[in-house]
C-alpha atoms as a PDB file:
ATOM      1  CA  UNK A   1       0.000   0.000   0.000  1.00  0.00           C
ATOM      2  CA  UNK A   2       2.799   2.400   0.875  1.00  0.00           C
ATOM      3  CA  UNK A   3       4.533   1.732  -2.436  1.00  0.00           C
ATOM      4  CA  UNK A   4       1.301   2.396  -4.372  1.00  0.00           C
ATOM      5  CA  UNK A   5       0.796   5.694  -2.528  1.00  0.00           C
ATOM      6  CA  UNK A   6       4.394   6.709  -3.200  1.00  0.00           C
ATOM      7  CA  UNK A   7       4.030   5.924  -6.921  1.00  0.00           C
ATOM      8  CA  UNK A   8       0.831   7.995  -7.135  1.00  0.00           C
ATOM      9  CA  UNK A   9       2.503  10.876  -5.308  1.00  0.00           C
ATOM     10  CA  UNK A  10       5.439  10.811  -7.730  1.00  0.00           C
ATOM     11  CA  UNK A  11       3.060  10.950 -10.724  1.00  0.00           C
ATOM     12  CA  UNK A  12       1.145  13.874  -9.272  1.00  0.00           C
ATOM     13  CA  UNK A  13       4.351  15.820  -8.664  1.00  0.00           C
ATOM     14  CA  UNK A  14       5.546  15.320 -12.235  1.00  0.00           C
ATOM     15  CA  UNK A  15       5.930  17.969 -14.940  1.00  0.00           C
ATOM     16  CA  UNK A  16       2.205  18.456 -15.521  1.00  0.00           C
ATOM     17  CA  UNK A  17       0.898  17.438 -12.077  1.00  0.00           C
ATOM     18  CA  UNK A  18      -2.500  15.917 -11.276  1.00  0.00           C
ATOM     19  CA  UNK A  19      -4.148  19.299 -10.617  1.00  0.00           C
ATOM     20  CA  UNK A  20      -2.834  20.676 -13.933  1.00  0.00           C
ATOM     21  CA  UNK A  21      -4.825  18.001 -15.784  1.00  0.00           C
ATOM     22  CA  UNK A  22      -8.074  19.599 -14.656  1.00  0.00           C
ATOM     23  CA  UNK A  23      -9.217  22.659 -16.617  1.00  0.00           C
ATOM     24  CA  UNK A  24     -10.340  25.267 -14.092  1.00  0.00           C
ATOM     25  CA  UNK A  25     -12.763  28.094 -14.807  1.00  0.00           C
ATOM     26  CA  UNK A  26     -10.127  30.737 -14.135  1.00  0.00           C
ATOM     27  CA  UNK A  27      -7.698  29.084 -16.541  1.00  0.00           C
ATOM     28  CA  UNK A  28     -10.380  28.717 -19.232  1.00  0.00           C
ATOM     29  CA  UNK A  29     -11.393  32.351 -18.793  1.00  0.00           C
ATOM     30  CA  UNK A  30      -7.787  33.505 -19.177  1.00  0.00           C
ATOM     31  CA  UNK A  31      -7.314  31.452 -22.363  1.00  0.00           C
ATOM     32  CA  UNK A  32     -10.514  32.769 -23.944  1.00  0.00           C
ATOM     33  CA  UNK A  33      -9.716  36.353 -22.928  1.00  0.00           C
ATOM     34  CA  UNK A  34      -6.304  36.078 -24.590  1.00  0.00           C
ATOM     35  CA  UNK A  35      -7.923  34.654 -27.728  1.00  0.00           C
ATOM     36  CA  UNK A  36     -10.366  37.559 -27.827  1.00  0.00           C
ATOM     37  CA  UNK A  37      -7.578  40.106 -27.335  1.00  0.00           C
ATOM     38  CA  UNK A  38      -5.672  38.647 -30.290  1.00  0.00           C
ATOM     39  CA  UNK A  39      -8.724  39.019 -32.515  1.00  0.00           C
ATOM     40  CA  UNK A  40      -9.060  35.282 -33.092  1.00  0.00           C
ATOM     41  CA  UNK A  41     -12.520  34.900 -31.542  1.00  0.00           C
ATOM     42  CA  UNK A  42     -15.913  36.326 -32.360  1.00  0.00           C
ATOM     43  CA  UNK A  43     -17.346  38.794 -34.836  1.00  0.00           C
ATOM     44  CA  UNK A  44     -16.653  42.489 -34.634  1.00  0.00           C
ATOM     45  CA  UNK A  45     -19.563  44.920 -34.601  1.00  0.00           C
ATOM     46  CA  UNK A  46     -19.147  47.318 -37.496  1.00  0.00           C
ATOM     47  CA  UNK A  47     -21.010  50.203 -39.107  1.00  0.00           C
ATOM     48  CA  UNK A  48     -20.925  51.621 -42.607  1.00  0.00           C
ATOM     49  CA  UNK A  49     -20.900  55.176 -43.804  1.00  0.00           C
ATOM     50  CA  UNK A  50     -21.007  56.561 -47.310  1.00  0.00           C
ATOM     51  CA  UNK A  51     -18.465  59.160 -48.430  1.00  0.00           C
ATOM     52  CA  UNK A  52     -20.533  61.524 -50.539  1.00  0.00           C
ATOM     53  CA  UNK A  53     -23.451  63.918 -50.041  1.00  0.00           C
ATOM     54  CA  UNK A  54     -25.244  65.726 -52.850  1.00  0.00           C
ATOM     55  CA  UNK A  55     -26.678  69.244 -52.877  1.00  0.00           C
ATOM     56  CA  UNK A  56     -29.134  69.685 -55.784  1.00  0.00           C
ATOM     57  CA  UNK A  57     -31.326  72.630 -54.877  1.00  0.00           C
ATOM     58  CA  UNK A  58     -32.640  73.403 -58.356  1.00  0.00           C
ATOM     59  CA  UNK A  59     -33.367  69.743 -59.086  1.00  0.00           C
ATOM     60  CA  UNK A  60     -35.259  69.455 -55.803  1.00  0.00           C
ATOM     61  CA  UNK A  61     -37.376  72.487 -56.649  1.00  0.00           C
ATOM     62  CA  UNK A  62     -38.163  71.206 -60.130  1.00  0.00           C
ATOM     63  CA  UNK A  63     -39.084  67.838 -58.701  1.00  0.00           C
ATOM     64  CA  UNK A  64     -41.561  69.368 -56.280  1.00  0.00           C
ATOM     65  CA  UNK A  65     -39.703  68.186 -53.181  1.00  0.00           C
ATOM     66  CA  UNK A  66     -39.644  70.048 -49.890  1.00  0.00           C
ATOM     67  CA  UNK A  67     -36.389  71.946 -50.393  1.00  0.00           C
ATOM     68  CA  UNK A  68     -36.148  72.964 -46.732  1.00  0.00           C
ATOM     69  CA  UNK A  69     -36.339  69.347 -45.564  1.00  0.00           C
ATOM     70  CA  UNK A  70     -33.788  68.177 -48.130  1.00  0.00           C
ATOM     71  CA  UNK A  71     -31.440  71.000 -47.153  1.00  0.00           C
ATOM     72  CA  UNK A  72     -31.700  69.907 -43.506  1.00  0.00           C
ATOM     73  CA  UNK A  73     -31.050  66.289 -44.534  1.00  0.00           C
ATOM     74  CA  UNK A  74     -27.964  67.269 -46.528  1.00  0.00           C
ATOM     75  CA  UNK A  75     -26.601  69.563 -43.820  1.00  0.00           C
ATOM     76  CA  UNK A  76     -27.086  66.856 -41.183  1.00  0.00           C
ATOM     77  CA  UNK A  77     -25.352  64.204 -43.302  1.00  0.00           C
ATOM     78  CA  UNK A  78     -22.537  66.634 -44.075  1.00  0.00           C
ATOM     79  CA  UNK A  79     -22.084  67.446 -40.383  1.00  0.00           C
ATOM     80  CA  UNK A  80     -21.788  63.739 -39.586  1.00  0.00           C
ATOM     81  CA  UNK A  81     -19.161  63.161 -42.292  1.00  0.00           C
ATOM     82  CA  UNK A  82     -17.186  66.209 -41.164  1.00  0.00           C
ATOM     83  CA  UNK A  83     -17.142  64.787 -37.645  1.00  0.00           C
ATOM     84  CA  UNK A  84     -15.753  61.533 -39.063  1.00  0.00           C
ATOM     85  CA  UNK A  85     -13.013  63.679 -40.616  1.00  0.00           C
ATOM     86  CA  UNK A  86     -12.260  65.019 -37.133  1.00  0.00           C
ATOM     87  CA  UNK A  87     -12.107  61.412 -35.871  1.00  0.00           C
ATOM     88  CA  UNK A  88      -9.573  60.461 -38.561  1.00  0.00           C
ATOM     89  CA  UNK A  89     -11.967  58.118 -40.410  1.00  0.00           C
ATOM     90  CA  UNK A  90     -12.365  60.238 -43.551  1.00  0.00           C
ATOM     91  CA  UNK A  91     -10.510  62.977 -45.367  1.00  0.00           C
ATOM     92  CA  UNK A  92     -12.187  65.803 -47.293  1.00  0.00           C
ATOM     93  CA  UNK A  93     -11.801  65.849 -51.056  1.00  0.00           C
ATOM     94  CA  UNK A  94     -12.638  68.718 -53.438  1.00  0.00           C
ATOM     95  CA  UNK A  95     -16.302  69.190 -54.250  1.00  0.00           C
ATOM     96  CA  UNK A  96     -17.427  68.281 -57.771  1.00  0.00           C
ATOM     97  CA  UNK A  97     -20.321  69.507 -59.962  1.00  0.00           C
ATOM     98  CA  UNK A  98     -23.633  67.736 -59.544  1.00  0.00           C
ATOM     99  CA  UNK A  99     -25.338  65.658 -62.186  1.00  0.00           C
ATOM    100  CA  UNK A 100     -27.474  67.313 -64.853  1.00  0.00           C
ATOM    101  CA  UNK A 101     -26.003  70.775 -64.520  1.00  0.00           C
ATOM    102  CA  UNK A 102     -27.937  73.848 -63.447  1.00  0.00           C
ATOM    103  CA  UNK A 103     -28.747  77.347 -64.621  1.00  0.00           C
ATOM    104  CA  UNK A 104     -28.119  80.193 -64.674  1.00  0.00           C
ATOM    105  CA  UNK A 105     -24.359  79.705 -64.532  1.00  0.00           C
ATOM    106  CA  UNK A 106     -22.159  80.434 -62.645  1.00  0.00           C
ATOM    107  CA  UNK A 107     -24.325  81.397 -59.658  1.00  0.00           C
ATOM    108  CA  UNK A 108     -25.938  77.968 -59.326  1.00  0.00           C
ATOM    109  CA  UNK A 109     -22.678  76.031 -58.837  1.00  0.00           C
ATOM    110  CA  UNK A 110     -22.923  76.260 -55.035  1.00  0.00           C
ATOM    111  CA  UNK A 111     -26.397  74.713 -55.164  1.00  0.00           C
ATOM    112  CA  UNK A 112     -25.598  71.794 -57.429  1.00  0.00           C
ATOM    113  CA  UNK A 113     -22.614  69.747 -56.306  1.00  0.00           C
ATOM    114  CA  UNK A 114     -21.237  66.709 -54.548  1.00  0.00           C
ATOM    115  CA  UNK A 115     -19.458  67.004 -51.205  1.00  0.00           C
ATOM    116  CA  UNK A 116     -16.749  64.354 -51.511  1.00  0.00           C
ATOM    117  CA  UNK A 117     -14.746  62.433 -48.924  1.00  0.00           C
ATOM    118  CA  UNK A 118     -12.373  59.468 -48.945  1.00  0.00           C
ATOM    119  CA  UNK A 119     -11.703  56.667 -46.453  1.00  0.00           C
ATOM    120  CA  UNK A 120      -8.526  56.632 -44.340  1.00  0.00           C
ATOM    121  CA  UNK A 121      -7.848  52.900 -43.731  1.00  0.00           C
ATOM    122  CA  UNK A 122      -6.627  51.898 -40.255  1.00  0.00           C
ATOM    123  CA  UNK A 123      -6.879  49.062 -37.729  1.00  0.00           C
ATOM    124  CA  UNK A 124     -10.525  49.980 -37.097  1.00  0.00           C
ATOM    125  CA  UNK A 125     -11.468  51.316 -40.543  1.00  0.00           C
ATOM    126  CA  UNK A 126     -11.663  49.419 -43.828  1.00  0.00           C
ATOM    127  CA  UNK A 127     -12.166  50.894 -47.283  1.00  0.00           C
ATOM    128  CA  UNK A 128     -14.878  48.810 -48.972  1.00  0.00           C
ATOM    129  CA  UNK A 129     -15.895  49.196 -52.602  1.00  0.00           C
ATOM    130  CA  UNK A 130     -19.512  48.170 -53.142  1.00  0.00           C
ATOM    131  CA  UNK A 131     -20.073  49.512 -56.619  1.00  0.00           C
ATOM    132  CA  UNK A 132     -23.147  51.726 -56.828  1.00  0.00           C
ATOM    133  CA  UNK A 133     -24.130  52.274 -53.197  1.00  0.00           C
ATOM    134  CA  UNK A 134     -26.807  54.849 -52.392  1.00  0.00           C
ATOM    135  CA  UNK A 135     -25.409  58.136 -53.692  1.00  0.00           C
ATOM    136  CA  UNK A 136     -21.746  57.143 -53.682  1.00  0.00           C
ATOM    137  CA  UNK A 137     -21.014  57.180 -57.398  1.00  0.00           C
ATOM    138  CA  UNK A 138     -17.497  55.871 -56.801  1.00  0.00           C
ATOM    139  CA  UNK A 139     -18.821  53.017 -54.639  1.00  0.00           C
ATOM    140  CA  UNK A 140     -16.517  53.769 -51.712  1.00  0.00           C
ATOM    141  CA  UNK A 141     -17.770  52.922 -48.212  1.00  0.00           C
ATOM    142  CA  UNK A 142     -16.057  53.173 -44.814  1.00  0.00           C
ATOM    143  CA  UNK A 143     -16.536  50.043 -42.683  1.00  0.00           C
ATOM    144  CA  UNK A 144     -15.838  51.071 -39.080  1.00  0.00           C
ATOM    145  CA  UNK A 145     -15.247  48.676 -36.169  1.00  0.00           C
ATOM    146  CA  UNK A 146     -17.389  49.846 -33.244  1.00  0.00           C
ATOM    147  CA  UNK A 147     -16.837  47.031 -30.726  1.00  0.00           C
ATOM    148  CA  UNK A 148     -15.134  43.683 -30.247  1.00  0.00           C
ATOM    149  CA  UNK A 149     -15.934  40.637 -28.057  1.00  0.00           C
ATOM    150  CA  UNK A 150     -14.716  40.998 -24.458  1.00  0.00           C
ATOM    151  CA  UNK A 151     -15.333  40.054 -20.822  1.00  0.00           C
ATOM    152  CA  UNK A 152     -15.887  36.267 -21.066  1.00  0.00           C
ATOM    153  CA  UNK A 153     -17.611  34.587 -18.127  1.00  0.00           C
ATOM    154  CA  UNK A 154     -17.468  30.789 -17.863  1.00  0.00           C
ATOM    155  CA  UNK A 155     -20.856  29.119 -17.362  1.00  0.00           C
ATOM    156  CA  UNK A 156     -19.796  25.474 -17.561  1.00  0.00           C
ATOM    157  CA  UNK A 157     -16.995  23.030 -18.370  1.00  0.00           C
ATOM    158  CA  UNK A 158     -17.263  19.376 -19.346  1.00  0.00           C
ATOM    159  CA  UNK A 159     -14.011  17.432 -19.556  1.00  0.00           C
ATOM    160  CA  UNK A 160     -13.078  13.987 -20.794  1.00  0.00           C
ATOM    161  CA  UNK A 161      -9.408  13.255 -20.347  1.00  0.00           C
ATOM    162  CA  UNK A 162      -7.356  15.809 -22.257  1.00  0.00           C
ATOM    163  CA  UNK A 163     -10.386  17.312 -24.083  1.00  0.00           C
ATOM    164  CA  UNK A 164     -12.766  19.888 -22.648  1.00  0.00           C
ATOM    165  CA  UNK A 165     -15.816  21.814 -23.830  1.00  0.00           C
ATOM    166  CA  UNK A 166     -16.205  25.293 -22.352  1.00  0.00           C
ATOM    167  CA  UNK A 167     -19.462  27.228 -22.403  1.00  0.00           C
ATOM    168  CA  UNK A 168     -19.376  30.941 -21.644  1.00  0.00           C
ATOM    169  CA  UNK A 169     -21.032  34.310 -22.123  1.00  0.00           C
ATOM    170  CA  UNK A 170     -19.400  37.512 -23.313  1.00  0.00           C
ATOM    171  CA  UNK A 171     -20.181  41.146 -23.954  1.00  0.00           C
ATOM    172  CA  UNK A 172     -18.680  43.736 -26.310  1.00  0.00           C
ATOM    173  CA  UNK A 173     -16.094  46.399 -25.628  1.00  0.00           C
ATOM    174  CA  UNK A 174     -16.406  49.626 -27.665  1.00  0.00           C
ATOM    175  CA  UNK A 175     -13.283  50.554 -29.596  1.00  0.00           C
ATOM    176  CA  UNK A 176     -11.501  53.808 -28.662  1.00  0.00           C
ATOM    177  CA  UNK A 177     -12.442  55.074 -32.131  1.00  0.00           C
ATOM    178  CA  UNK A 178     -16.142  54.485 -31.517  1.00  0.00           C
ATOM    179  CA  UNK A 179     -15.944  56.287 -28.174  1.00  0.00           C
ATOM    180  CA  UNK A 180     -14.363  59.235 -29.973  1.00  0.00           C
ATOM    181  CA  UNK A 181     -17.022  59.186 -32.699  1.00  0.00           C
ATOM    182  CA  UNK A 182     -19.810  59.085 -30.092  1.00  0.00           C
ATOM    183  CA  UNK A 183     -18.492  62.246 -28.444  1.00  0.00           C
ATOM    184  CA  UNK A 184     -18.135  64.061 -31.774  1.00  0.00           C
ATOM    185  CA  UNK A 185     -21.537  63.092 -33.195  1.00  0.00           C
ATOM    186  CA  UNK A 186     -23.947  63.402 -30.267  1.00  0.00           C
ATOM    187  CA  UNK A 187     -25.689  66.387 -31.869  1.00  0.00           C
ATOM    188  CA  UNK A 188     -25.862  64.582 -35.221  1.00  0.00           C
ATOM    189  CA  UNK A 189     -27.598  61.550 -33.695  1.00  0.00           C
ATOM    190  CA  UNK A 190     -29.921  63.835 -31.731  1.00  0.00           C
ATOM    191  CA  UNK A 191     -31.222  65.173 -35.060  1.00  0.00           C
ATOM    192  CA  UNK A 192     -32.448  61.689 -35.998  1.00  0.00           C
ATOM    193  CA  UNK A 193     -35.568  62.378 -33.920  1.00  0.00           C
ATOM    194  CA  UNK A 194     -36.423  65.686 -35.636  1.00  0.00           C
ATOM    195  CA  UNK A 195     -40.001  65.592 -37.010  1.00  0.00           C
ATOM    196  CA  UNK A 196     -38.791  67.059 -40.329  1.00  0.00           C
ATOM    197  CA  UNK A 197     -36.551  64.019 -40.830  1.00  0.00           C
ATOM    198  CA  UNK A 198     -38.871  61.331 -39.482  1.00  0.00           C
ATOM    199  CA  UNK A 199     -39.865  59.942 -42.882  1.00  0.00           C
ATOM    200  CA  UNK A 200     -36.364  59.967 -44.354  1.00  0.00           C
ATOM    201  CA  UNK A 201     -33.688  60.323 -41.655  1.00  0.00           C
ATOM    202  CA  UNK A 202     -29.954  60.424 -42.470  1.00  0.00           C
ATOM    203  CA  UNK A 203     -28.320  57.099 -43.270  1.00  0.00           C
ATOM    204  CA  UNK A 204     -26.500  56.872 -39.928  1.00  0.00           C
ATOM    205  CA  UNK A 205     -29.746  57.069 -37.934  1.00  0.00           C
ATOM    206  CA  UNK A 206     -30.948  53.938 -36.063  1.00  0.00           C
ATOM    207  CA  UNK A 207     -33.932  53.505 -38.405  1.00  0.00           C
ATOM    208  CA  UNK A 208     -31.682  52.114 -41.123  1.00  0.00           C
ATOM    209  CA  UNK A 209     -29.837  49.690 -38.826  1.00  0.00           C
ATOM    210  CA  UNK A 210     -26.358  50.672 -40.006  1.00  0.00           C
ATOM    211  CA  UNK A 211     -25.310  52.284 -36.707  1.00  0.00           C
ATOM    212  CA  UNK A 212     -26.336  50.675 -33.389  1.00  0.00           C
ATOM    213  CA  UNK A 213     -27.120  52.856 -30.440  1.00  0.00           C
ATOM    214  CA  UNK A 214     -24.452  53.154 -27.762  1.00  0.00           C
ATOM    215  CA  UNK A 215     -26.899  51.677 -25.254  1.00  0.00           C
ATOM    216  CA  UNK A 216     -27.545  48.709 -27.568  1.00  0.00           C
ATOM    217  CA  UNK A 217     -23.843  47.848 -27.575  1.00  0.00           C
ATOM    218  CA  UNK A 218     -23.633  48.105 -23.797  1.00  0.00           C
ATOM    219  CA  UNK A 219     -26.564  45.698 -23.381  1.00  0.00           C
ATOM    220  CA  UNK A 220     -25.497  43.176 -26.025  1.00  0.00           C
ATOM    221  CA  UNK A 221     -24.616  39.755 -24.580  1.00  0.00           C
ATOM    222  CA  UNK A 222     -23.749  36.569 -26.448  1.00  0.00           C
ATOM    223  CA  UNK A 223     -23.062  32.917 -25.617  1.00  0.00           C
ATOM    224  CA  UNK A 224     -20.196  30.821 -26.959  1.00  0.00           C
ATOM    225  CA  UNK A 225     -18.748  27.324 -26.893  1.00  0.00           C
ATOM    226  CA  UNK A 226     -15.126  26.346 -27.471  1.00  0.00           C
ATOM    227  CA  UNK A 227     -13.186  23.100 -27.520  1.00  0.00           C
ATOM    228  CA  UNK A 228      -9.916  22.990 -25.580  1.00  0.00           C
ATOM    229  CA  UNK A 229      -7.244  20.305 -25.527  1.00  0.00           C
ATOM    230  CA  UNK A 230      -4.464  19.617 -23.011  1.00  0.00           C
ATOM    231  CA  UNK A 231      -0.963  19.590 -24.525  1.00  0.00           C
ATOM    232  CA  UNK A 232       2.413  19.158 -22.841  1.00  0.00           C
ATOM    233  CA  UNK A 233       2.669  22.950 -22.440  1.00  0.00           C
ATOM    234  CA  UNK A 234      -0.877  23.532 -21.227  1.00  0.00           C
ATOM    235  CA  UNK A 235      -4.430  23.933 -22.520  1.00  0.00           C
ATOM    236  CA  UNK A 236      -5.062  25.345 -25.987  1.00  0.00           C
ATOM    237  CA  UNK A 237      -8.175  26.184 -27.985  1.00  0.00           C
ATOM    238  CA  UNK A 238      -8.748  23.644 -30.745  1.00  0.00           C
ATOM    239  CA  UNK A 239      -9.399  25.608 -33.901  1.00  0.00           C
ATOM    240  CA  UNK A 240     -11.878  24.174 -36.412  1.00  0.00           C
ATOM    241  CA  UNK A 241     -10.382  23.235 -39.801  1.00  0.00           C
ATOM    242  CA  UNK A 242     -10.233  26.121 -42.283  1.00  0.00           C
END
């Protein structure tokens, strides 16, 4: 009996140790957190913005549209894009003449033009070309990362030998860029509720689903499941085949 106990003790005090064979919640949480931080886990939450706004006052009048409402729409969209310039997402390009021309020239040129911008790619901003997209005749769209998976909490672990299945919940952490954009565009988003814009709000307004509310991100919670395997150097996430 003493020899059996001594042999068991020697095995448990080996390189891996008996306790190291068991995947603990704290260890699983650390592994998943590191995977999230490296960008290997979960989908980012992104939002799109166009890079062009048109001002066609004469065309609006001839079409019988409410010019005052369309002016407010254009000014609000332009304010939002200028704030994205301040955030380093876009850069301003020269304005270009609008489609169809206008008369009398040259006085009408300030009432018939495109306000043009271009995407500044970065870690949190991608330049996406979608062909004809809304009014962006060059098809350029800024895809902005607003939040990434974070804060995993382990809800259960099942383990069979050197394999384990980990179930957990996680929330989303806003990117520093999104926090900056929120501060710069509070007045722009406040205009989404203006009665004049209720039927056709700017494209960044919640009605269109392209930009989530800040409160929506804070409340968003997901569940996940990962497979882990014990190797000689510790537990690792088993990636599915590509």
